[in-house]
Amino acid sequence: MAASGDYSPETFAALLELLTPFNKTGVDLKPETRFSEDLNFDSLVVMEFVATVEDRFDISVPMNMLPDITTIAQLAVAVEKIVKG
């Protein structure tokens, strides 16, 4: 979807902070970390995490974007796109 240069380090750091309590697998969180494969997120955890992200950034993530967001980097890009409007 997007290269790592397409989001700010601040956005990525904020997402890592939000992800920490959700990281039940204990994997190293990197831009390419995948939500379902690496973190074992199911749909319920995804919805809880998205709600946390929405609260933190004061945004609303469109449901139709979620299937295209599989990595932390892709989420960072999407968050910044939504924030900028």
C-alpha atoms as a PDB file:
ATOM      1  CA  MET A   1       0.000   0.000   0.000  1.00  0.00           C
ATOM      2  CA  ALA A   2       2.577   2.592   1.062  1.00  0.00           C
ATOM      3  CA  ALA A   3       6.264   2.898   1.767  1.00  0.00           C
ATOM      4  CA  SER A   4       7.586   3.592   5.239  1.00  0.00           C
ATOM      5  CA  GLY A   5       8.363   7.212   4.378  1.00  0.00           C
ATOM      6  CA  ASP A   6       4.677   8.072   3.992  1.00  0.00           C
ATOM      7  CA  TYR A   7       3.952   8.642   7.692  1.00  0.00           C
ATOM      8  CA  SER A   8       5.560  10.553  10.526  1.00  0.00           C
ATOM      9  CA  PRO A   9       7.628   8.952  13.289  1.00  0.00           C
ATOM     10  CA  GLU A  10       5.233  10.569  15.786  1.00  0.00           C
ATOM     11  CA  THR A  11       2.220   8.774  14.332  1.00  0.00           C
ATOM     12  CA  PHE A  12       4.088   5.472  14.285  1.00  0.00           C
ATOM     13  CA  ALA A  13       5.262   5.939  17.889  1.00  0.00           C
ATOM     14  CA  ALA A  14       1.713   6.747  19.025  1.00  0.00           C
ATOM     15  CA  LEU A  15       0.404   3.595  17.314  1.00  0.00           C
ATOM     16  CA  LEU A  16       3.111   1.484  18.971  1.00  0.00           C
ATOM     17  CA  GLU A  17       2.108   2.904  22.339  1.00  0.00           C
ATOM     18  CA  LEU A  18      -1.548   2.066  21.666  1.00  0.00           C
ATOM     19  CA  LEU A  19      -0.637  -1.408  20.420  1.00  0.00           C
ATOM     20  CA  THR A  20       1.404  -2.425  23.458  1.00  0.00           C
ATOM     21  CA  PRO A  21      -1.536  -3.621  25.601  1.00  0.00           C
ATOM     22  CA  PHE A  22      -2.979  -5.447  22.552  1.00  0.00           C
ATOM     23  CA  ASN A  23       0.302  -7.245  21.772  1.00  0.00           C
ATOM     24  CA  LYS A  24      -0.516 -10.561  23.464  1.00  0.00           C
ATOM     25  CA  THR A  25       1.965 -12.453  21.268  1.00  0.00           C
ATOM     26  CA  GLY A  26       4.925 -10.350  22.421  1.00  0.00           C
ATOM     27  CA  VAL A  27       6.289  -9.880  18.896  1.00  0.00           C
ATOM     28  CA  ASP A  28       8.575  -6.957  18.083  1.00  0.00           C
ATOM     29  CA  LEU A  29       6.400  -4.198  16.677  1.00  0.00           C
ATOM     30  CA  LYS A  30       7.792  -2.993  13.344  1.00  0.00           C
ATOM     31  CA  PRO A  31       6.236  -1.121  10.406  1.00  0.00           C
ATOM     32  CA  GLU A  32       5.693  -4.434   8.593  1.00  0.00           C
ATOM     33  CA  THR A  33       4.087  -6.194  11.589  1.00  0.00           C
ATOM     34  CA  ARG A  34       0.747  -7.628  10.433  1.00  0.00           C
ATOM     35  CA  PHE A  35      -2.315  -7.420  12.645  1.00  0.00           C
ATOM     36  CA  SER A  36      -3.888 -10.804  11.927  1.00  0.00           C
ATOM     37  CA  GLU A  37      -0.842 -12.944  11.072  1.00  0.00           C
ATOM     38  CA  ASP A  38       1.739 -11.572  13.542  1.00  0.00           C
ATOM     39  CA  LEU A  39      -0.426 -10.235  16.369  1.00  0.00           C
ATOM     40  CA  ASN A  40      -3.238 -12.797  16.000  1.00  0.00           C
ATOM     41  CA  PHE A  41      -5.918 -10.096  16.036  1.00  0.00           C
ATOM     42  CA  ASP A  42      -9.422 -11.403  15.483  1.00  0.00           C
ATOM     43  CA  SER A  43     -12.287  -9.158  14.372  1.00  0.00           C
ATOM     44  CA  LEU A  44     -13.251  -8.238  17.942  1.00  0.00           C
ATOM     45  CA  VAL A  45      -9.699  -7.174  18.845  1.00  0.00           C
ATOM     46  CA  VAL A  46      -9.474  -5.221  15.577  1.00  0.00           C
ATOM     47  CA  MET A  47     -12.629  -3.284  16.478  1.00  0.00           C
ATOM     48  CA  GLU A  48     -11.360  -2.571  20.007  1.00  0.00           C
ATOM     49  CA  PHE A  49      -8.007  -1.414  18.674  1.00  0.00           C
ATOM     50  CA  VAL A  50      -9.590   0.761  15.964  1.00  0.00           C
ATOM     51  CA  ALA A  51     -11.763   2.410  18.630  1.00  0.00           C
ATOM     52  CA  THR A  52      -8.617   3.124  20.676  1.00  0.00           C
ATOM     53  CA  VAL A  53      -6.902   4.641  17.616  1.00  0.00           C
ATOM     54  CA  GLU A  54      -9.974   6.734  16.811  1.00  0.00           C
ATOM     55  CA  ASP A  55     -10.081   8.090  20.377  1.00  0.00           C
ATOM     56  CA  ARG A  56      -6.355   8.878  20.443  1.00  0.00           C
ATOM     57  CA  PHE A  57      -6.309  10.716  17.099  1.00  0.00           C
ATOM     58  CA  ASP A  58      -9.880  12.073  17.316  1.00  0.00           C
ATOM     59  CA  ILE A  59     -10.788  10.549  13.958  1.00  0.00           C
ATOM     60  CA  SER A  60     -13.235   8.079  12.485  1.00  0.00           C
ATOM     61  CA  VAL A  61     -11.736   5.229  10.455  1.00  0.00           C
ATOM     62  CA  PRO A  62     -14.116   4.230   7.637  1.00  0.00           C
ATOM     63  CA  MET A  63     -15.024   0.545   7.872  1.00  0.00           C
ATOM     64  CA  ASN A  64     -14.346   0.068   4.154  1.00  0.00           C
ATOM     65  CA  MET A  65     -10.672   0.981   4.736  1.00  0.00           C
ATOM     66  CA  LEU A  66     -10.049  -1.801   7.259  1.00  0.00           C
ATOM     67  CA  PRO A  67      -9.623  -4.726   4.820  1.00  0.00           C
ATOM     68  CA  ASP A  68      -6.770  -2.820   3.110  1.00  0.00           C
ATOM     69  CA  ILE A  69      -4.914  -2.118   6.360  1.00  0.00           C
ATOM     70  CA  THR A  70      -2.878  -5.174   7.274  1.00  0.00           C
ATOM     71  CA  THR A  71       0.316  -3.677   8.770  1.00  0.00           C
ATOM     72  CA  ILE A  72       1.201  -1.008  11.315  1.00  0.00           C
ATOM     73  CA  ALA A  73       2.776   1.087   8.531  1.00  0.00           C
ATOM     74  CA  GLN A  74      -0.438   0.959   6.485  1.00  0.00           C
ATOM     75  CA  LEU A  75      -2.427   2.025   9.540  1.00  0.00           C
ATOM     76  CA  ALA A  76      -0.051   4.940  10.136  1.00  0.00           C
ATOM     77  CA  VAL A  77      -0.520   6.101   6.539  1.00  0.00           C
ATOM     78  CA  ALA A  78      -4.316   5.766   6.818  1.00  0.00           C
ATOM     79  CA  VAL A  79      -4.428   7.669  10.120  1.00  0.00           C
ATOM     80  CA  GLU A  80      -2.437  10.559   8.684  1.00  0.00           C
ATOM     81  CA  LYS A  81      -4.612  10.631   5.566  1.00  0.00           C
ATOM     82  CA  ILE A  82      -7.761  10.810   7.721  1.00  0.00           C
ATOM     83  CA  VAL A  83      -6.279  13.435  10.074  1.00  0.00           C
ATOM     84  CA  LYS A  84      -5.316  15.657   7.125  1.00  0.00           C
ATOM     85  CA  GLY A  85      -8.759  15.171   5.605  1.00  0.00           C
END
